[in-house]
Amino acid sequence: MTKEMIVSATDRETAVAILEDDQVVEFFMERERQQGVVGNVYKGRVSKVLPGMQSSFIDLGLERDGFLYVSDVITPAEALEDDPDEPSIPADDVAAGLVAQADDGDGPDETGADGGEARGANGEAAGVAGKGGDRRQRQERAAQPNIEDLLKEGQDVLVQVVKEPIGTKGARITSHVTIPGRFLVFMPTVDHIGVSRKIESREERARLRGIVRQFREAHAFNGGVIIRTAAANRPDADILGDLEYFHQVWKEIKHKSETQRAPAVIYREQSLVAKLLRDLLTDEFSVIRIDSADEHRRVTALVERIMPAMLPRVKLYTRDYPIFEEYGVRTEIDKALRSKVWLKSGGYIVINQTEALVAIDVNTGRYVGKKTTGRLEDTILKTNMEAVKEIVRQLRLRDMGGIVVLDFIDMEDKKNRQKVFQTLEQELRRDRAPSKAIQVSDFGLIIITRKRVKQSLERLMTDTCPYCTGTGTIKSSATVCQEILNEMRKVGNDLDGRGVLLRVNPEIAEALQGDERGVLREVEQVVGRKVTVRPDAYLHHEQFDVMSL
């Protein structure tokens, strides 16, 4: 598998596409006025405490208050697994001890109504691998103090954003700050040194732990450290570089938190491209293409510091033709904003995102199978197998999270159903976001829970339709005409003058003069006078005005 990173950067917007075998599988975008806040550290002020939900709202100076669960105030150090699996879980999630339990709706909106989505509070604060399992989680929950004993309204708190504001919900935040580096993740609120389980050599694990311990003792540097997979076999200077960076940053954070008034930003995460290079860059990437000279210089300097062997693979794109058009990124993004996605065979999948979950339906479409076999089961299996790969790619590309319900075409053969499920699990392993799949019926239904920390592609790049207000439908012309008649029956006796003016949308005017002209005659009978229909393009399809002449 070949991987490429395509970067398009301007003064107003930076976008990054990850390609695998020439297919776009992940997309990231940050605009000047819509910069992400995940990873930022804030000095916030408690604006509301909710004892009934064991949570609180924190004023961060953003558009909406952040949401803080009691478990994120007092997460014990024991909840951190000694060997976090990195990089399959993002660095900030590893350090916060988040499990692969996808809870897309992570708390109530600012009204305090949870909408049934407060379910994952303690689950997300559990250990990464979960030694001790549910029993330990229950013990921790039983031992937790109440939120009202920990926080009071007006109190200043230091918090970090772990999930972007989504929809009407504010940012998900935690009081346990984590600062990721290239080789380490720093956790100032715990005393813990962990090593990625992917570093298997006992000698290498001991060497890395020793470097961290010596630095902590020499600098009286408290706090926990997670040693990432990328640290394996790196020279001491690289590890010490991250530690010195953490030491300096944490001193600045403490100084600002003591001197600035809440709400205030105490620490900002790195730029989008720097974060992705820090967290994703591996030898698997064959090339990194960048269309901005300034961004190319910054990337070159960063890659030279963290992975100098990769420096020849950083290329400056100099053609006038847009880089996303050249490598087919724009076409894939446009497709990802549509509900229907066609498969190569002629089948298709339909993706519907709702407030509570994502529903994906698989259909054979134009694919009718091969003439040589003639078996319906084989046609369905091929469509389902092709749909599996496309579904996982779309999950990654659109960054859809929470509960995802997959409705595959029903298959009679149990072995075929199991084959589809196993292929799905295999494809999900390529996804960096923690996820879990469950086969819930023999009729083709599979449920996936997938975690994400940023807004989906749909919410990032689209607005709710001002015409249908997000429903996807409007009332038919016949329905609107009937509503006009009903309204006239209510107000007809109150109208003065010799005539009545009816202002409607041009489509409704056309209907009243055509298929629905019987409605217009009945309206004139109701009011007992001539009704003049005037088209007005500025009126909504469902809107109409009545006035006397």
Protein backbone atom coordinates (compact mmCIF):
# COMPACT_ATOMS: atom_id res chain seq x y z
CA MET A 1 0.00 0.00 0.00
CA THR A 2 1.33 3.43 -0.98
CA LYS A 3 0.48 6.46 1.15
CA GLU A 4 0.69 10.11 0.18
CA MET A 5 -0.01 13.37 1.97
CA ILE A 6 -1.34 16.25 -0.14
CA VAL A 7 -1.27 19.72 1.46
CA SER A 8 -3.04 22.78 0.07
CA ALA A 9 -2.36 25.95 2.07
CA THR A 10 -3.43 29.57 1.67
CA ASP A 11 -3.69 32.49 4.06
CA ARG A 12 -7.36 31.66 4.68
CA GLU A 13 -7.45 27.87 4.65
CA THR A 14 -5.24 24.82 5.09
CA ALA A 15 -6.43 21.43 3.89
CA VAL A 16 -4.67 18.06 4.03
CA ALA A 17 -5.67 14.84 2.24
CA ILE A 18 -4.26 11.39 3.02
CA LEU A 19 -4.20 9.03 0.05
CA GLU A 20 -3.85 5.26 0.17
CA ASP A 21 -3.30 3.57 -3.18
CA ASP A 22 -4.39 6.81 -4.90
CA GLN A 23 -7.71 6.89 -2.99
CA VAL A 24 -8.55 9.70 -0.56
CA VAL A 25 -9.18 8.09 2.84
CA GLU A 26 -8.82 11.01 5.25
CA PHE A 27 -9.35 14.74 4.95
CA PHE A 28 -8.52 17.55 7.35
CA MET A 29 -9.28 21.24 7.00
CA GLU A 30 -8.71 24.31 9.11
CA ARG A 31 -9.88 27.80 8.22
CA GLU A 32 -8.52 31.03 9.62
CA ARG A 33 -11.85 31.84 11.29
CA GLN A 34 -12.66 28.24 12.21
CA GLN A 35 -9.50 26.95 13.78
CA GLY A 36 -9.79 23.75 15.79
CA VAL A 37 -9.61 23.91 19.57
CA VAL A 38 -8.80 20.26 20.40
CA GLY A 39 -5.60 20.22 22.44
CA ASN A 40 -5.88 23.86 23.53
CA VAL A 41 -5.54 24.54 27.26
CA TYR A 42 -7.83 27.14 28.83
CA LYS A 43 -8.16 28.86 32.15
CA GLY A 44 -11.91 28.55 32.43
CA ARG A 45 -14.56 29.58 34.92
CA VAL A 46 -17.32 27.32 36.20
CA SER A 47 -20.58 28.76 34.91
CA LYS A 48 -22.97 26.01 36.00
CA VAL A 49 -22.82 22.85 38.10
CA LEU A 50 -25.30 20.06 37.33
CA PRO A 51 -25.49 17.66 40.31
CA GLY A 52 -28.18 15.58 38.62
CA MET A 53 -25.78 14.77 35.77
CA GLN A 54 -22.55 14.92 37.80
CA SER A 55 -21.11 17.41 35.35
CA SER A 56 -20.55 21.12 34.84
CA PHE A 57 -20.35 23.83 32.20
CA ILE A 58 -17.11 25.78 31.98
CA ASP A 59 -16.81 29.21 30.35
CA LEU A 60 -13.79 29.02 28.01
CA GLY A 61 -14.39 32.26 26.14
CA LEU A 62 -15.74 30.29 23.16
CA GLU A 63 -19.18 30.57 21.57
CA ARG A 64 -20.51 27.81 23.86
CA ASP A 65 -19.39 26.64 27.27
CA GLY A 66 -17.31 23.49 27.54
CA PHE A 67 -18.72 20.36 29.17
CA LEU A 68 -16.83 18.68 32.03
CA TYR A 69 -17.85 15.31 33.51
CA VAL A 70 -16.99 14.49 37.10
CA SER A 71 -14.86 11.58 35.86
CA ASP A 72 -12.74 14.06 33.90
CA VAL A 73 -12.12 16.09 37.03
CA ILE A 74 -10.80 13.25 39.13
CA THR A 75 -9.67 10.49 36.76
CA PRO A 76 -7.27 8.41 38.86
CA ALA A 77 -3.76 7.63 37.63
CA GLU A 78 -4.56 3.94 37.95
CA ALA A 79 -6.94 4.28 34.99
CA LEU A 80 -3.95 4.74 32.69
CA GLU A 81 -2.76 1.54 31.07
CA ASP A 82 0.94 0.93 31.45
CA ASP A 83 1.30 0.04 27.76
CA PRO A 84 -0.99 2.27 25.69
CA ASP A 85 -1.45 1.15 22.12
CA GLU A 86 -0.19 4.04 20.04
CA PRO A 87 -0.65 5.37 17.34
CA SER A 88 -3.99 3.63 16.74
CA ILE A 89 -5.40 5.97 19.40
CA PRO A 90 -4.58 9.69 19.07
CA ALA A 91 -2.00 10.98 21.51
CA ASP A 92 -4.39 13.21 23.41
CA ASP A 93 -6.83 10.31 23.81
CA VAL A 94 -4.11 7.95 25.03
CA ALA A 95 -3.05 10.32 27.73
CA ALA A 96 -6.60 10.98 28.80
CA GLY A 97 -7.14 7.23 29.01
CA LEU A 98 -9.98 7.10 26.53
CA VAL A 99 -11.29 3.73 25.42
CA ALA A 100 -12.49 2.77 22.00
CA GLN A 101 -16.07 3.36 23.03
CA ALA A 102 -17.53 5.73 20.48
CA ASP A 103 -19.78 8.37 21.99
CA ASP A 104 -20.35 10.90 19.26
CA GLY A 105 -22.80 12.96 21.28
CA ASP A 106 -20.69 13.56 24.34
CA GLY A 107 -22.94 15.50 26.62
CA PRO A 108 -25.85 17.86 26.87
CA ASP A 109 -26.20 21.13 25.12
CA GLU A 110 -26.09 24.31 27.17
CA THR A 111 -29.69 23.96 28.22
CA GLY A 112 -28.67 20.98 30.34
CA ALA A 113 -30.81 18.52 28.36
CA ASP A 114 -28.71 15.51 27.54
CA GLY A 115 -30.86 14.16 24.72
CA GLY A 116 -29.98 10.67 25.89
CA GLU A 117 -26.29 11.18 25.12
CA ALA A 118 -24.70 11.35 28.54
CA ARG A 119 -24.21 7.61 28.48
CA GLY A 120 -20.46 7.49 27.85
CA ALA A 121 -19.17 9.66 30.67
CA ASN A 122 -17.37 7.13 32.82
CA GLY A 123 -16.82 4.69 29.98
CA GLU A 124 -14.61 7.14 28.09
CA ALA A 125 -12.53 7.80 31.18
CA ALA A 126 -11.63 4.16 31.66
CA GLY A 127 -8.23 2.63 30.94
CA VAL A 128 -7.03 2.13 27.38
CA ALA A 129 -6.81 -1.64 27.59
CA GLY A 130 -9.14 -2.01 30.53
CA LYS A 131 -7.26 -4.33 32.91
CA GLY A 132 -9.71 -5.28 35.60
CA GLY A 133 -12.56 -4.60 33.21
CA ASP A 134 -15.96 -3.41 34.24
CA ARG A 135 -15.47 -4.27 37.91
CA ARG A 136 -12.70 -1.71 38.29
CA GLN A 137 -14.76 0.91 36.48
CA ARG A 138 -17.66 0.31 38.86
CA GLN A 139 -15.33 0.61 41.85
CA GLU A 140 -13.91 3.87 40.52
CA ARG A 141 -17.38 5.30 39.93
CA ALA A 142 -18.44 4.30 43.44
CA ALA A 143 -15.37 6.02 44.90
CA GLN A 144 -15.82 9.27 43.01
CA PRO A 145 -16.87 12.34 44.98
CA ASN A 146 -19.82 14.39 43.79
CA ILE A 147 -19.33 17.16 41.25
CA GLU A 148 -20.76 19.73 43.69
CA ASP A 149 -17.99 18.85 46.16
CA LEU A 150 -15.30 19.46 43.56
CA LEU A 151 -16.50 22.53 41.67
CA LYS A 152 -18.41 25.68 42.58
CA GLU A 153 -19.90 28.32 40.30
CA GLY A 154 -17.39 31.11 39.66
CA GLN A 155 -14.40 28.86 40.41
CA ASP A 156 -11.39 29.04 38.04
CA VAL A 157 -10.19 25.74 36.57
CA LEU A 158 -7.46 24.70 34.16
CA VAL A 159 -8.89 22.46 31.42
CA GLN A 160 -8.04 21.07 27.99
CA VAL A 161 -10.36 20.47 25.04
CA VAL A 162 -10.53 16.81 23.98
CA LYS A 163 -13.41 17.04 21.49
CA GLU A 164 -14.49 19.88 19.22
CA PRO A 165 -17.86 21.61 19.72
CA ILE A 166 -20.36 19.76 17.52
CA GLY A 167 -23.79 21.09 16.60
CA THR A 168 -25.44 22.66 19.64
CA LYS A 169 -23.01 21.02 22.06
CA GLY A 170 -19.99 22.75 23.49
CA ALA A 171 -16.49 21.31 23.59
CA ARG A 172 -15.79 18.21 25.67
CA ILE A 173 -13.05 19.09 28.16
CA THR A 174 -10.92 17.46 30.84
CA SER A 175 -8.95 18.77 33.79
CA HIS A 176 -6.10 16.36 33.05
CA VAL A 177 -3.91 18.19 30.55
CA THR A 178 -1.90 16.19 28.01
CA ILE A 179 0.74 17.65 25.70
CA PRO A 180 1.77 15.38 22.81
CA GLY A 181 5.21 15.46 21.27
CA ARG A 182 6.72 13.46 18.46
CA PHE A 183 8.16 10.74 20.70
CA LEU A 184 6.44 11.29 24.04
CA VAL A 185 3.14 12.44 25.52
CA PHE A 186 3.34 14.54 28.69
CA MET A 187 0.69 14.27 31.42
CA PRO A 188 1.39 16.84 34.14
CA THR A 189 -1.45 15.76 36.46
CA VAL A 190 -0.31 12.17 37.01
CA ASP A 191 2.90 10.44 38.12
CA HIS A 192 3.25 7.65 35.59
CA ILE A 193 5.72 6.45 32.95
CA GLY A 194 4.22 4.20 30.28
CA VAL A 195 5.71 2.64 27.15
CA SER A 196 3.84 1.73 23.98
CA ARG A 197 3.20 -2.00 23.84
CA LYS A 198 4.40 -1.94 20.24
CA ILE A 199 7.92 -1.46 21.55
CA GLU A 200 8.53 -5.13 22.30
CA SER A 201 12.24 -5.16 23.20
CA ARG A 202 12.67 -5.28 26.98
CA GLU A 203 16.08 -3.59 26.74
CA GLU A 204 14.69 -0.75 24.62
CA ARG A 205 11.77 -0.20 27.00
CA ALA A 206 14.17 -0.04 29.94
CA ARG A 207 16.46 2.40 28.09
CA LEU A 208 13.62 4.78 27.29
CA ARG A 209 12.25 4.65 30.83
CA GLY A 210 15.73 5.38 32.15
CA ILE A 211 16.08 8.50 29.99
CA VAL A 212 12.78 9.86 31.27
CA ARG A 213 13.57 9.04 34.93
CA GLN A 214 16.99 10.69 34.78
CA PHE A 215 15.54 13.86 33.28
CA ARG A 216 12.78 14.02 35.88
CA GLU A 217 15.25 13.65 38.73
CA ALA A 218 17.74 16.15 37.29
CA HIS A 219 15.11 18.85 36.71
CA ALA A 220 12.71 18.06 39.57
CA PHE A 221 10.21 17.58 36.77
CA ASN A 222 6.95 16.04 37.95
CA GLY A 223 4.22 14.58 35.82
CA GLY A 224 3.60 11.47 33.78
CA VAL A 225 5.00 10.50 30.39
CA ILE A 226 3.79 8.08 27.72
CA ILE A 227 6.61 6.87 25.46
CA ARG A 228 5.22 6.52 21.93
CA THR A 229 6.08 3.87 19.35
CA ALA A 230 8.03 6.44 17.32
CA ALA A 231 10.57 6.67 20.18
CA ALA A 232 11.89 3.16 19.55
CA ASN A 233 15.62 3.15 18.75
CA ARG A 234 15.78 6.95 18.65
CA PRO A 235 18.89 8.60 20.10
CA ASP A 236 18.77 10.02 23.60
CA ALA A 237 18.84 13.58 22.23
CA ASP A 238 15.45 13.12 20.52
CA ILE A 239 13.80 11.93 23.73
CA LEU A 240 15.45 14.68 25.77
CA GLY A 241 14.32 17.23 23.19
CA ASP A 242 10.67 16.34 23.81
CA LEU A 243 11.20 16.40 27.58
CA GLU A 244 12.84 19.84 27.49
CA TYR A 245 9.99 21.09 25.30
CA PHE A 246 7.43 19.76 27.80
CA HIS A 247 9.33 21.31 30.70
CA GLN A 248 9.33 24.73 29.06
CA VAL A 249 5.71 24.58 27.91
CA TRP A 250 4.42 23.50 31.31
CA LYS A 251 6.28 26.35 33.03
CA GLU A 252 4.66 28.79 30.62
CA ILE A 253 1.23 27.24 31.19
CA LYS A 254 1.58 27.54 34.96
CA HIS A 255 2.79 31.13 34.71
CA LYS A 256 -0.07 32.18 32.42
CA SER A 257 -2.66 30.39 34.55
CA GLU A 258 -1.48 32.35 37.57
CA THR A 259 -1.36 35.75 35.87
CA GLN A 260 -4.25 35.79 33.38
CA ARG A 261 -7.92 36.20 34.21
CA ALA A 262 -10.43 33.56 33.17
CA PRO A 263 -11.58 32.83 30.54
CA ALA A 264 -8.29 32.80 28.63
CA VAL A 265 -6.30 30.57 26.27
CA ILE A 266 -3.22 29.34 28.11
CA TYR A 267 -1.76 27.05 25.43
CA ARG A 268 -2.57 26.57 21.75
CA GLU A 269 -2.06 23.36 19.81
CA GLN A 270 0.26 23.39 16.83
CA SER A 271 -0.92 24.15 13.32
CA LEU A 272 -2.90 21.52 11.43
CA VAL A 273 -0.01 20.35 9.26
CA ALA A 274 2.42 20.22 12.19
CA LYS A 275 -0.03 18.14 14.24
CA LEU A 276 -0.57 15.67 11.41
CA LEU A 277 3.15 15.28 10.76
CA ARG A 278 3.78 14.81 14.46
CA ASP A 279 1.10 12.13 14.83
CA LEU A 280 0.96 10.43 11.42
CA LEU A 281 4.36 10.65 9.73
CA THR A 282 5.92 7.24 9.19
CA ASP A 283 8.07 5.51 6.59
CA GLU A 284 4.84 4.36 4.90
CA PHE A 285 4.43 7.78 3.29
CA SER A 286 6.04 7.77 -0.14
CA VAL A 287 5.67 11.51 -0.69
CA ILE A 288 4.39 14.72 0.91
CA ARG A 289 3.27 17.28 -1.67
CA ILE A 290 2.73 20.92 -0.68
CA ASP A 291 1.52 23.76 -2.89
CA SER A 292 2.69 26.62 -0.65
CA ALA A 293 6.32 27.71 -0.49
CA ASP A 294 5.93 29.05 3.07
CA GLU A 295 4.29 25.87 4.29
CA HIS A 296 6.91 23.81 2.45
CA ARG A 297 9.69 25.59 4.37
CA ARG A 298 7.95 24.95 7.71
CA VAL A 299 7.33 21.29 6.87
CA THR A 300 10.91 20.82 5.69
CA ALA A 301 12.25 22.21 8.96
CA LEU A 302 9.93 20.01 11.03
CA VAL A 303 10.63 16.81 9.07
CA GLU A 304 14.35 17.49 9.22
CA ARG A 305 14.08 17.56 13.01
CA ILE A 306 11.80 14.58 13.62
CA MET A 307 12.50 12.24 10.65
CA PRO A 308 15.45 13.49 8.58
CA ALA A 309 15.42 10.38 6.39
CA MET A 310 12.01 11.48 5.06
CA LEU A 311 13.28 14.89 3.88
CA PRO A 312 13.73 13.89 0.19
CA ARG A 313 10.07 12.86 0.09
CA VAL A 314 8.83 16.40 0.86
CA LYS A 315 8.00 17.96 -2.51
CA LEU A 316 6.95 21.48 -3.44
CA TYR A 317 4.10 21.51 -5.97
CA THR A 318 4.70 24.41 -8.36
CA ARG A 319 2.12 23.95 -11.14
CA ASP A 320 -0.63 26.56 -11.60
CA TYR A 321 -3.27 23.83 -11.76
CA PRO A 322 -4.82 23.35 -8.26
CA ILE A 323 -3.11 20.53 -6.40
CA PHE A 324 -6.38 18.98 -5.19
CA GLU A 325 -7.66 18.89 -8.76
CA GLU A 326 -4.42 17.33 -9.98
CA TYR A 327 -4.61 14.41 -7.55
CA GLY A 328 -8.38 13.92 -7.61
CA VAL A 329 -8.97 15.12 -4.06
CA ARG A 330 -11.62 17.70 -4.92
CA THR A 331 -13.71 15.15 -6.83
CA GLU A 332 -13.65 12.73 -3.87
CA ILE A 333 -14.61 15.47 -1.42
CA ASP A 334 -17.55 16.49 -3.61
CA LYS A 335 -18.70 12.85 -3.70
CA ALA A 336 -18.32 12.59 0.07
CA LEU A 337 -20.83 15.41 0.51
CA ARG A 338 -23.54 13.40 -1.25
CA SER A 339 -25.70 10.74 0.33
CA LYS A 340 -25.34 8.17 -2.48
CA VAL A 341 -21.96 6.59 -3.27
CA TRP A 342 -21.66 4.33 -6.32
CA LEU A 343 -19.56 1.16 -6.24
CA LYS A 344 -17.44 0.00 -9.17
CA SER A 345 -19.66 -3.00 -9.79
CA GLY A 346 -22.74 -0.82 -10.24
CA GLY A 347 -24.13 -1.22 -6.73
CA TYR A 348 -24.30 1.70 -4.33
CA ILE A 349 -24.53 2.70 -0.69
CA VAL A 350 -26.74 5.40 0.79
CA ILE A 351 -25.46 7.33 3.82
CA ASN A 352 -27.86 9.23 6.08
CA GLN A 353 -26.49 11.16 9.05
CA THR A 354 -28.92 11.99 11.84
CA GLU A 355 -28.55 13.63 15.23
CA ALA A 356 -28.32 10.29 17.02
CA LEU A 357 -26.69 7.92 14.53
CA VAL A 358 -25.52 7.23 10.99
CA ALA A 359 -27.48 4.77 8.82
CA ILE A 360 -25.82 3.18 5.77
CA ASP A 361 -27.83 1.06 3.34
CA VAL A 362 -26.32 -1.24 0.70
CA ASN A 363 -28.08 -1.86 -2.64
CA THR A 364 -27.20 -3.88 -5.75
CA GLY A 365 -28.22 -0.99 -8.03
CA ARG A 366 -27.21 -1.67 -11.62
CA TYR A 367 -25.19 -4.77 -10.75
CA VAL A 368 -27.07 -7.93 -11.78
CA GLY A 369 -24.27 -10.46 -11.42
CA LYS A 370 -22.32 -12.53 -13.94
CA LYS A 371 -24.00 -14.55 -16.65
CA THR A 372 -21.74 -17.56 -16.02
CA THR A 373 -22.74 -18.10 -12.38
CA GLY A 374 -26.33 -16.96 -12.29
CA ARG A 375 -26.55 -17.31 -8.48
CA LEU A 376 -28.29 -14.47 -6.62
CA GLU A 377 -26.27 -15.25 -3.48
CA ASP A 378 -23.00 -14.64 -5.35
CA THR A 379 -24.25 -11.32 -6.70
CA ILE A 380 -25.27 -10.18 -3.23
CA LEU A 381 -21.98 -11.35 -1.66
CA LYS A 382 -19.90 -9.46 -4.21
CA THR A 383 -21.92 -6.29 -3.65
CA ASN A 384 -21.65 -6.57 0.14
CA MET A 385 -17.91 -7.27 0.03
CA GLU A 386 -17.31 -4.28 -2.23
CA ALA A 387 -19.53 -2.13 0.00
CA VAL A 388 -17.51 -3.05 3.11
CA LYS A 389 -14.34 -1.39 1.83
CA GLU A 390 -16.20 1.67 0.58
CA ILE A 391 -18.11 2.04 3.85
CA VAL A 392 -14.93 2.05 5.94
CA ARG A 393 -13.29 4.52 3.53
CA GLN A 394 -16.30 6.80 3.77
CA LEU A 395 -16.29 6.56 7.58
CA ARG A 396 -12.69 7.73 7.60
CA LEU A 397 -13.10 10.34 4.87
CA ARG A 398 -16.29 11.86 6.29
CA ASP A 399 -15.11 11.26 9.87
CA MET A 400 -18.49 10.00 10.97
CA GLY A 401 -18.71 8.88 14.58
CA GLY A 402 -21.04 7.62 17.27
CA ILE A 403 -23.37 4.75 16.39
CA VAL A 404 -23.24 3.62 12.75
CA VAL A 405 -25.87 1.11 11.57
CA LEU A 406 -24.99 -0.87 8.44
CA ASP A 407 -27.80 -2.53 6.53
CA PHE A 408 -26.19 -5.01 4.16
CA ILE A 409 -28.18 -7.00 1.61
CA ASP A 410 -29.53 -10.12 3.32
CA MET A 411 -27.67 -13.35 2.57
CA GLU A 412 -28.93 -16.87 3.19
CA ASP A 413 -25.53 -18.51 3.67
CA LYS A 414 -24.21 -18.02 7.20
CA LYS A 415 -20.62 -18.41 5.97
CA ASN A 416 -21.12 -15.48 3.63
CA ARG A 417 -22.52 -13.32 6.43
CA GLN A 418 -19.50 -14.17 8.57
CA LYS A 419 -17.15 -13.43 5.67
CA VAL A 420 -18.61 -9.95 5.29
CA PHE A 421 -18.32 -9.30 9.03
CA GLN A 422 -14.70 -10.48 9.20
CA THR A 423 -13.79 -8.34 6.21
CA LEU A 424 -15.37 -5.34 7.92
CA GLU A 425 -13.33 -5.95 11.09
CA GLN A 426 -10.19 -6.26 8.99
CA GLU A 427 -10.86 -2.99 7.16
CA LEU A 428 -11.60 -1.18 10.43
CA ARG A 429 -8.08 -1.99 11.64
CA ARG A 430 -6.82 0.49 9.04
CA ASP A 431 -8.85 3.22 10.74
CA ARG A 432 -6.95 5.23 13.36
CA ALA A 433 -10.14 6.11 15.23
CA PRO A 434 -11.08 3.51 17.88
CA SER A 435 -14.09 1.49 16.77
CA LYS A 436 -15.97 -1.73 17.45
CA ALA A 437 -18.31 -3.76 15.24
CA ILE A 438 -21.16 -5.98 16.42
CA GLN A 439 -23.22 -8.34 14.27
CA VAL A 440 -26.73 -7.91 15.64
CA SER A 441 -28.92 -10.05 13.38
CA ASP A 442 -28.99 -12.65 10.62
CA PHE A 443 -30.62 -10.14 8.29
CA GLY A 444 -27.52 -8.15 7.41
CA LEU A 445 -27.51 -5.57 10.23
CA ILE A 446 -24.14 -4.63 11.76
CA ILE A 447 -23.59 -1.85 14.30
CA ILE A 448 -20.30 0.02 14.57
CA THR A 449 -19.35 2.39 17.37
CA ARG A 450 -16.64 4.81 16.25
CA LYS A 451 -14.96 7.57 18.19
CA ARG A 452 -13.99 10.93 16.76
CA VAL A 453 -12.86 14.23 18.24
CA LYS A 454 -13.59 16.70 15.45
CA GLN A 455 -16.56 17.67 13.34
CA SER A 456 -17.56 15.44 10.46
CA LEU A 457 -16.81 16.50 6.90
CA GLU A 458 -20.50 17.29 6.34
CA ARG A 459 -20.65 19.67 9.30
CA LEU A 460 -17.27 21.15 8.44
CA MET A 461 -18.03 21.99 4.82
CA THR A 462 -21.80 22.47 4.62
CA ASP A 463 -24.55 24.55 6.21
CA THR A 464 -28.15 23.56 6.87
CA CYS A 465 -30.32 24.31 3.86
CA PRO A 466 -32.17 27.57 4.65
CA TYR A 467 -35.06 26.41 2.48
CA CYS A 468 -35.88 23.00 3.95
CA THR A 469 -34.05 23.71 7.29
CA GLY A 470 -32.28 20.40 7.09
CA THR A 471 -35.29 18.13 6.61
CA GLY A 472 -34.51 17.45 2.95
CA THR A 473 -38.16 17.97 1.97
CA ILE A 474 -40.70 20.79 1.60
CA LYS A 475 -44.48 20.71 1.39
CA SER A 476 -45.90 19.87 -2.00
CA SER A 477 -47.66 22.54 -4.07
CA ALA A 478 -50.99 20.76 -3.55
CA THR A 479 -50.49 20.84 0.23
CA VAL A 480 -49.67 24.56 0.23
CA CYS A 481 -52.73 25.31 -1.94
CA GLN A 482 -54.95 23.44 0.51
CA GLU A 483 -53.42 25.43 3.40
CA ILE A 484 -54.28 28.63 1.54
CA LEU A 485 -57.89 27.49 1.28
CA ASN A 486 -58.01 26.58 4.98
CA GLU A 487 -56.55 29.97 5.92
CA MET A 488 -59.12 31.79 3.78
CA ARG A 489 -61.93 29.95 5.53
CA LYS A 490 -60.61 31.29 8.84
CA VAL A 491 -59.97 34.93 7.86
CA GLY A 492 -62.27 35.43 4.85
CA ASN A 493 -64.99 37.23 6.85
CA ASP A 494 -62.44 39.71 8.24
CA LEU A 495 -61.22 40.90 4.84
CA ASP A 496 -62.45 44.31 3.61
CA GLY A 497 -62.34 45.90 0.17
CA ARG A 498 -63.56 44.88 -3.23
CA GLY A 499 -60.90 42.26 -3.88
CA VAL A 500 -58.25 40.07 -2.31
CA LEU A 501 -54.54 39.95 -3.17
CA LEU A 502 -52.80 36.62 -2.65
CA ARG A 503 -48.97 36.75 -2.76
CA VAL A 504 -47.38 33.32 -3.24
CA ASN A 505 -44.21 31.67 -4.49
CA PRO A 506 -44.11 31.45 -8.33
CA GLU A 507 -44.46 27.63 -8.22
CA ILE A 508 -47.63 27.94 -6.12
CA ALA A 509 -48.96 30.63 -8.46
CA GLU A 510 -48.41 28.28 -11.40
CA ALA A 511 -50.21 25.47 -9.56
CA LEU A 512 -53.21 27.73 -8.74
CA GLN A 513 -53.51 28.61 -12.41
CA GLY A 514 -53.08 24.99 -13.49
CA ASP A 515 -53.63 21.71 -11.64
CA GLU A 516 -54.98 23.41 -8.52
CA ARG A 517 -57.23 26.00 -10.21
CA GLY A 518 -60.20 24.32 -8.52
CA VAL A 519 -58.73 25.46 -5.19
CA LEU A 520 -58.56 29.04 -6.45
CA ARG A 521 -62.24 28.93 -7.49
CA GLU A 522 -63.19 27.62 -4.06
CA VAL A 523 -61.16 30.39 -2.40
CA GLU A 524 -63.11 33.00 -4.39
CA GLN A 525 -66.38 31.38 -3.31
CA VAL A 526 -65.26 31.49 0.33
CA VAL A 527 -64.33 35.20 0.29
CA GLY A 528 -67.10 36.16 -2.15
CA ARG A 529 -64.97 38.33 -4.38
CA LYS A 530 -62.18 38.28 -6.98
CA VAL A 531 -58.82 36.89 -5.82
CA THR A 532 -55.73 38.21 -7.58
CA VAL A 533 -52.72 35.87 -7.45
CA ARG A 534 -49.35 37.66 -7.53
CA PRO A 535 -46.14 35.59 -7.81
CA ASP A 536 -43.29 36.70 -5.53
CA ALA A 537 -39.93 34.98 -5.93
CA TYR A 538 -38.80 36.26 -2.52
CA LEU A 539 -41.42 34.17 -0.73
CA HIS A 540 -40.57 30.69 0.53
CA HIS A 541 -42.34 27.83 -1.27
CA GLU A 542 -44.57 27.32 1.78
CA GLN A 543 -45.19 31.00 2.55
CA PHE A 544 -48.12 33.14 1.38
CA ASP A 545 -49.62 36.54 2.24
CA VAL A 546 -53.26 37.67 2.04
CA MET A 547 -54.40 41.30 1.95
CA SER A 548 -57.47 43.32 0.92
CA LEU A 549 -57.55 45.47 -2.20
